[in-house]
């Protein structure tokens, strides 16, 4: 979701995955995949940059979650108790 501003100054949050294309003539008009059109104050370049930043956050969060789900193993195949190379990972074992 990206934060944008309508022409009247009201804030708007748009699902960037639904943007089909953006055009500036002279205002920036977003056309969504359902045909809805939204006019915003931000330039096309700003919309693209915000979309890229949002997707980077999504991928970073996915990578972090994947790292949390990863269970490091020692060379003998048993789970490591304290892996210093991944301090954000805590391996919980049942006794």
N, C-alpha and C. Protein backbone atom coordinates (compact mmCIF):
# COMPACT_ATOMS: atom_id res chain seq x y z
N UNK A 1 0.85 -1.17 0.00
CA UNK A 1 0.00 0.00 0.00
C UNK A 1 0.90 1.24 0.00
N UNK A 2 0.56 2.20 -0.83
CA UNK A 2 1.34 3.43 -0.89
C UNK A 2 0.46 4.61 -0.51
N UNK A 3 1.05 5.56 0.20
CA UNK A 3 0.34 6.75 0.65
C UNK A 3 0.46 7.83 -0.42
N UNK A 4 -0.69 8.34 -0.86
CA UNK A 4 -0.74 9.39 -1.87
C UNK A 4 -1.70 10.48 -1.39
N UNK A 5 -1.86 11.52 -2.21
CA UNK A 5 -2.72 12.64 -1.85
C UNK A 5 -3.63 12.98 -3.02
N UNK A 6 -4.92 13.07 -2.74
CA UNK A 6 -5.88 13.51 -3.78
C UNK A 6 -5.64 14.98 -4.07
N UNK A 7 -6.18 15.47 -5.18
CA UNK A 7 -5.99 16.86 -5.56
C UNK A 7 -6.53 17.83 -4.51
N UNK A 8 -7.57 17.42 -3.76
CA UNK A 8 -8.14 18.28 -2.74
C UNK A 8 -7.35 18.26 -1.42
N UNK A 9 -6.25 17.51 -1.40
CA UNK A 9 -5.40 17.46 -0.21
C UNK A 9 -5.69 16.30 0.72
N UNK A 10 -6.74 15.56 0.47
CA UNK A 10 -7.07 14.42 1.33
C UNK A 10 -6.10 13.27 1.08
N UNK A 11 -5.60 12.67 2.17
CA UNK A 11 -4.69 11.53 2.01
C UNK A 11 -5.43 10.31 1.49
N UNK A 12 -4.70 9.46 0.80
CA UNK A 12 -5.26 8.28 0.17
C UNK A 12 -4.22 7.18 0.23
N UNK A 13 -4.64 5.97 0.50
CA UNK A 13 -3.75 4.82 0.48
C UNK A 13 -4.22 3.90 -0.65
N UNK A 14 -3.29 3.55 -1.54
CA UNK A 14 -3.64 2.77 -2.73
C UNK A 14 -2.86 1.45 -2.72
N UNK A 15 -3.53 0.39 -3.07
CA UNK A 15 -2.86 -0.89 -3.26
C UNK A 15 -2.10 -0.80 -4.58
N UNK A 16 -0.79 -0.70 -4.51
CA UNK A 16 0.02 -0.48 -5.71
C UNK A 16 -0.04 -1.67 -6.68
N UNK A 17 -0.44 -2.84 -6.20
CA UNK A 17 -0.58 -4.00 -7.09
C UNK A 17 -1.76 -3.83 -8.04
N UNK A 18 -2.68 -2.90 -7.72
CA UNK A 18 -3.86 -2.71 -8.56
C UNK A 18 -3.69 -1.61 -9.60
N UNK A 19 -2.53 -0.94 -9.62
CA UNK A 19 -2.31 0.13 -10.59
C UNK A 19 -1.94 -0.49 -11.93
N UNK A 20 -2.76 -0.19 -12.94
CA UNK A 20 -2.49 -0.69 -14.29
C UNK A 20 -1.49 0.22 -14.98
N UNK A 21 -1.73 1.54 -14.91
CA UNK A 21 -0.76 2.50 -15.42
C UNK A 21 -1.02 3.87 -14.81
N UNK A 22 0.01 4.72 -14.90
CA UNK A 22 -0.05 6.09 -14.40
C UNK A 22 0.32 7.01 -15.54
N UNK A 23 -0.42 8.11 -15.67
CA UNK A 23 -0.11 9.08 -16.71
C UNK A 23 -0.21 10.48 -16.13
N UNK A 24 0.61 11.36 -16.66
CA UNK A 24 0.57 12.75 -16.20
C UNK A 24 0.19 13.65 -17.36
N UNK A 25 -0.91 14.39 -17.17
CA UNK A 25 -1.37 15.25 -18.27
C UNK A 25 -2.29 16.37 -17.77
N UNK A 26 -1.93 17.37 -17.08
CA UNK A 26 -0.69 17.56 -16.33
C UNK A 26 -0.74 16.89 -14.96
N UNK A 27 -1.96 16.61 -14.43
CA UNK A 27 -2.07 15.93 -13.14
C UNK A 27 -1.79 14.44 -13.33
N UNK A 28 -1.39 13.79 -12.27
CA UNK A 28 -1.12 12.36 -12.34
C UNK A 28 -2.42 11.60 -12.17
N UNK A 29 -2.76 10.79 -13.17
CA UNK A 29 -3.95 9.97 -13.11
C UNK A 29 -3.55 8.51 -13.09
N UNK A 30 -4.01 7.81 -12.06
CA UNK A 30 -3.77 6.38 -11.94
C UNK A 30 -4.99 5.65 -12.48
N UNK A 31 -4.76 4.67 -13.30
CA UNK A 31 -5.85 3.81 -13.76
C UNK A 31 -5.61 2.45 -13.12
N UNK A 32 -6.61 1.99 -12.37
CA UNK A 32 -6.50 0.70 -11.70
C UNK A 32 -6.96 -0.41 -12.63
N UNK A 33 -6.65 -1.63 -12.27
CA UNK A 33 -6.98 -2.76 -13.14
C UNK A 33 -8.48 -2.94 -13.33
N UNK A 34 -9.30 -2.38 -12.41
CA UNK A 34 -10.75 -2.48 -12.55
C UNK A 34 -11.33 -1.31 -13.36
N UNK A 35 -10.44 -0.42 -13.87
CA UNK A 35 -10.88 0.70 -14.67
C UNK A 35 -11.08 1.99 -13.90
N UNK A 36 -11.08 1.91 -12.57
CA UNK A 36 -11.24 3.11 -11.76
C UNK A 36 -10.06 4.05 -11.98
N UNK A 37 -10.34 5.34 -12.02
CA UNK A 37 -9.29 6.34 -12.22
C UNK A 37 -9.19 7.20 -10.96
N UNK A 38 -7.95 7.46 -10.54
CA UNK A 38 -7.68 8.28 -9.36
C UNK A 38 -6.67 9.35 -9.75
N UNK A 39 -7.00 10.61 -9.45
CA UNK A 39 -6.08 11.71 -9.73
C UNK A 39 -5.39 12.09 -8.42
N UNK A 40 -4.05 12.18 -8.47
CA UNK A 40 -3.28 12.46 -7.26
C UNK A 40 -2.30 13.61 -7.49
N UNK A 41 -1.85 14.20 -6.38
CA UNK A 41 -0.89 15.30 -6.45
C UNK A 41 0.52 14.84 -6.81
N UNK A 42 0.90 13.65 -6.40
CA UNK A 42 2.25 13.16 -6.62
C UNK A 42 2.50 12.93 -8.11
N UNK A 43 3.76 13.08 -8.50
CA UNK A 43 4.14 12.84 -9.90
C UNK A 43 4.19 11.34 -10.17
N UNK A 44 4.20 10.99 -11.46
CA UNK A 44 4.34 9.58 -11.83
C UNK A 44 5.62 8.99 -11.24
N UNK A 45 6.68 9.77 -11.27
CA UNK A 45 7.96 9.31 -10.71
C UNK A 45 7.83 9.01 -9.22
N UNK A 46 7.12 9.88 -8.48
CA UNK A 46 6.90 9.63 -7.05
C UNK A 46 6.09 8.35 -6.83
N UNK A 47 5.07 8.15 -7.65
CA UNK A 47 4.24 6.94 -7.52
C UNK A 47 5.11 5.70 -7.75
N UNK A 48 5.94 5.74 -8.78
CA UNK A 48 6.83 4.60 -9.07
C UNK A 48 7.81 4.39 -7.91
N UNK A 49 8.42 5.47 -7.42
CA UNK A 49 9.39 5.34 -6.33
C UNK A 49 8.75 4.81 -5.06
N UNK A 50 7.53 5.25 -4.76
CA UNK A 50 6.83 4.75 -3.57
C UNK A 50 6.46 3.28 -3.74
N UNK A 51 6.10 2.90 -4.96
CA UNK A 51 5.77 1.50 -5.22
C UNK A 51 7.01 0.62 -5.05
N UNK A 52 8.13 1.08 -5.58
CA UNK A 52 9.39 0.33 -5.43
C UNK A 52 9.77 0.21 -3.96
N UNK A 53 9.66 1.30 -3.21
CA UNK A 53 10.00 1.28 -1.78
C UNK A 53 9.08 0.33 -1.01
N UNK A 54 7.79 0.35 -1.34
CA UNK A 54 6.84 -0.53 -0.67
C UNK A 54 7.18 -1.99 -0.95
N UNK A 55 7.45 -2.31 -2.21
CA UNK A 55 7.77 -3.70 -2.56
C UNK A 55 9.09 -4.14 -1.93
N UNK A 56 10.04 -3.22 -1.82
CA UNK A 56 11.30 -3.55 -1.15
C UNK A 56 11.03 -3.90 0.32
N UNK A 57 10.13 -3.16 0.96
CA UNK A 57 9.77 -3.46 2.35
C UNK A 57 9.12 -4.84 2.46
N UNK A 58 8.25 -5.16 1.51
CA UNK A 58 7.58 -6.46 1.52
C UNK A 58 8.60 -7.58 1.38
N UNK A 59 9.52 -7.44 0.41
CA UNK A 59 10.53 -8.48 0.21
C UNK A 59 11.48 -8.58 1.40
N UNK A 60 11.83 -7.44 2.01
CA UNK A 60 12.70 -7.48 3.18
C UNK A 60 12.00 -8.19 4.33
N UNK A 61 10.72 -7.90 4.53
CA UNK A 61 9.97 -8.57 5.59
C UNK A 61 9.86 -10.06 5.32
N UNK A 62 9.66 -10.42 4.06
CA UNK A 62 9.57 -11.85 3.71
C UNK A 62 10.90 -12.55 3.99
N UNK A 63 12.00 -11.87 3.67
CA UNK A 63 13.32 -12.45 3.95
C UNK A 63 13.56 -12.61 5.43
N UNK A 64 13.10 -11.63 6.21
CA UNK A 64 13.25 -11.71 7.66
C UNK A 64 12.43 -12.87 8.21
N UNK A 65 11.20 -13.04 7.72
CA UNK A 65 10.37 -14.14 8.18
C UNK A 65 10.97 -15.48 7.78
N UNK A 66 11.55 -15.54 6.59
CA UNK A 66 12.18 -16.78 6.15
C UNK A 66 13.37 -17.10 7.06
N UNK A 67 14.14 -16.07 7.44
CA UNK A 67 15.28 -16.29 8.33
C UNK A 67 14.81 -16.78 9.70
N UNK A 68 13.67 -16.26 10.16
CA UNK A 68 13.14 -16.70 11.45
C UNK A 68 12.67 -18.15 11.40
N UNK A 69 12.18 -18.58 10.24
CA UNK A 69 11.68 -19.94 10.10
C UNK A 69 12.81 -20.94 9.87
N UNK A 70 13.98 -20.46 9.49
CA UNK A 70 15.11 -21.32 9.18
C UNK A 70 15.69 -21.89 10.45
N UNK A 71 15.90 -23.18 10.50
CA UNK A 71 16.49 -23.84 11.67
C UNK A 71 17.91 -24.25 11.33
N UNK A 72 18.90 -23.55 11.86
CA UNK A 72 20.28 -23.92 11.57
C UNK A 72 20.63 -25.29 12.15
N UNK A 73 21.40 -26.07 11.40
CA UNK A 73 21.82 -27.39 11.85
C UNK A 73 23.33 -27.44 11.98
N UNK A 74 23.80 -28.20 12.93
CA UNK A 74 25.24 -28.42 13.06
C UNK A 74 25.65 -29.45 12.02
N UNK A 75 26.96 -29.73 11.94
CA UNK A 75 27.45 -30.67 10.94
C UNK A 75 26.92 -32.08 11.17
N UNK A 76 26.57 -32.40 12.41
CA UNK A 76 26.03 -33.75 12.67
C UNK A 76 24.51 -33.81 12.46
N UNK A 77 23.89 -32.68 12.06
CA UNK A 77 22.47 -32.68 11.74
C UNK A 77 21.57 -32.25 12.88
N UNK A 78 22.14 -32.06 14.08
CA UNK A 78 21.30 -31.63 15.20
C UNK A 78 21.13 -30.11 15.18
N UNK A 79 20.06 -29.64 15.75
CA UNK A 79 19.78 -28.20 15.77
C UNK A 79 20.79 -27.49 16.65
N UNK A 80 21.27 -26.35 16.19
CA UNK A 80 22.20 -25.55 16.98
C UNK A 80 21.43 -24.77 18.05
N UNK A 81 21.98 -24.68 19.22
CA UNK A 81 21.32 -23.98 20.31
C UNK A 81 21.56 -22.47 20.24
N UNK A 82 22.77 -22.07 19.92
CA UNK A 82 23.12 -20.66 19.87
C UNK A 82 23.94 -20.38 18.62
N UNK A 83 23.27 -20.01 17.56
CA UNK A 83 23.95 -19.73 16.30
C UNK A 83 24.32 -18.24 16.27
N UNK A 84 25.58 -17.91 16.49
CA UNK A 84 26.03 -16.52 16.54
C UNK A 84 25.99 -15.83 15.17
N UNK A 85 25.96 -16.60 14.07
CA UNK A 85 25.92 -15.98 12.75
C UNK A 85 24.53 -15.44 12.43
N UNK A 86 23.51 -15.89 13.17
CA UNK A 86 22.15 -15.40 12.99
C UNK A 86 21.57 -15.06 14.36
N UNK A 87 21.97 -13.92 14.95
CA UNK A 87 21.53 -13.61 16.31
C UNK A 87 20.03 -13.38 16.42
N UNK A 88 19.36 -13.09 15.30
CA UNK A 88 17.92 -12.86 15.36
C UNK A 88 17.13 -14.16 15.43
N UNK A 89 17.83 -15.31 15.29
CA UNK A 89 17.16 -16.60 15.30
C UNK A 89 17.35 -17.26 16.65
N UNK A 90 16.26 -17.66 17.24
CA UNK A 90 16.31 -18.42 18.48
C UNK A 90 15.75 -19.80 18.21
N UNK A 91 16.55 -20.81 18.45
CA UNK A 91 16.11 -22.18 18.22
C UNK A 91 15.52 -22.69 19.52
N UNK A 92 14.26 -23.10 19.44
CA UNK A 92 13.58 -23.64 20.63
C UNK A 92 13.47 -25.14 20.46
N UNK A 93 13.94 -25.86 21.46
CA UNK A 93 13.86 -27.31 21.41
C UNK A 93 13.06 -27.80 22.60
N UNK A 94 12.38 -28.90 22.43
CA UNK A 94 11.63 -29.49 23.53
C UNK A 94 12.49 -30.52 24.22
N UNK A 95 12.45 -30.55 25.52
CA UNK A 95 13.25 -31.52 26.29
C UNK A 95 12.49 -32.80 26.48
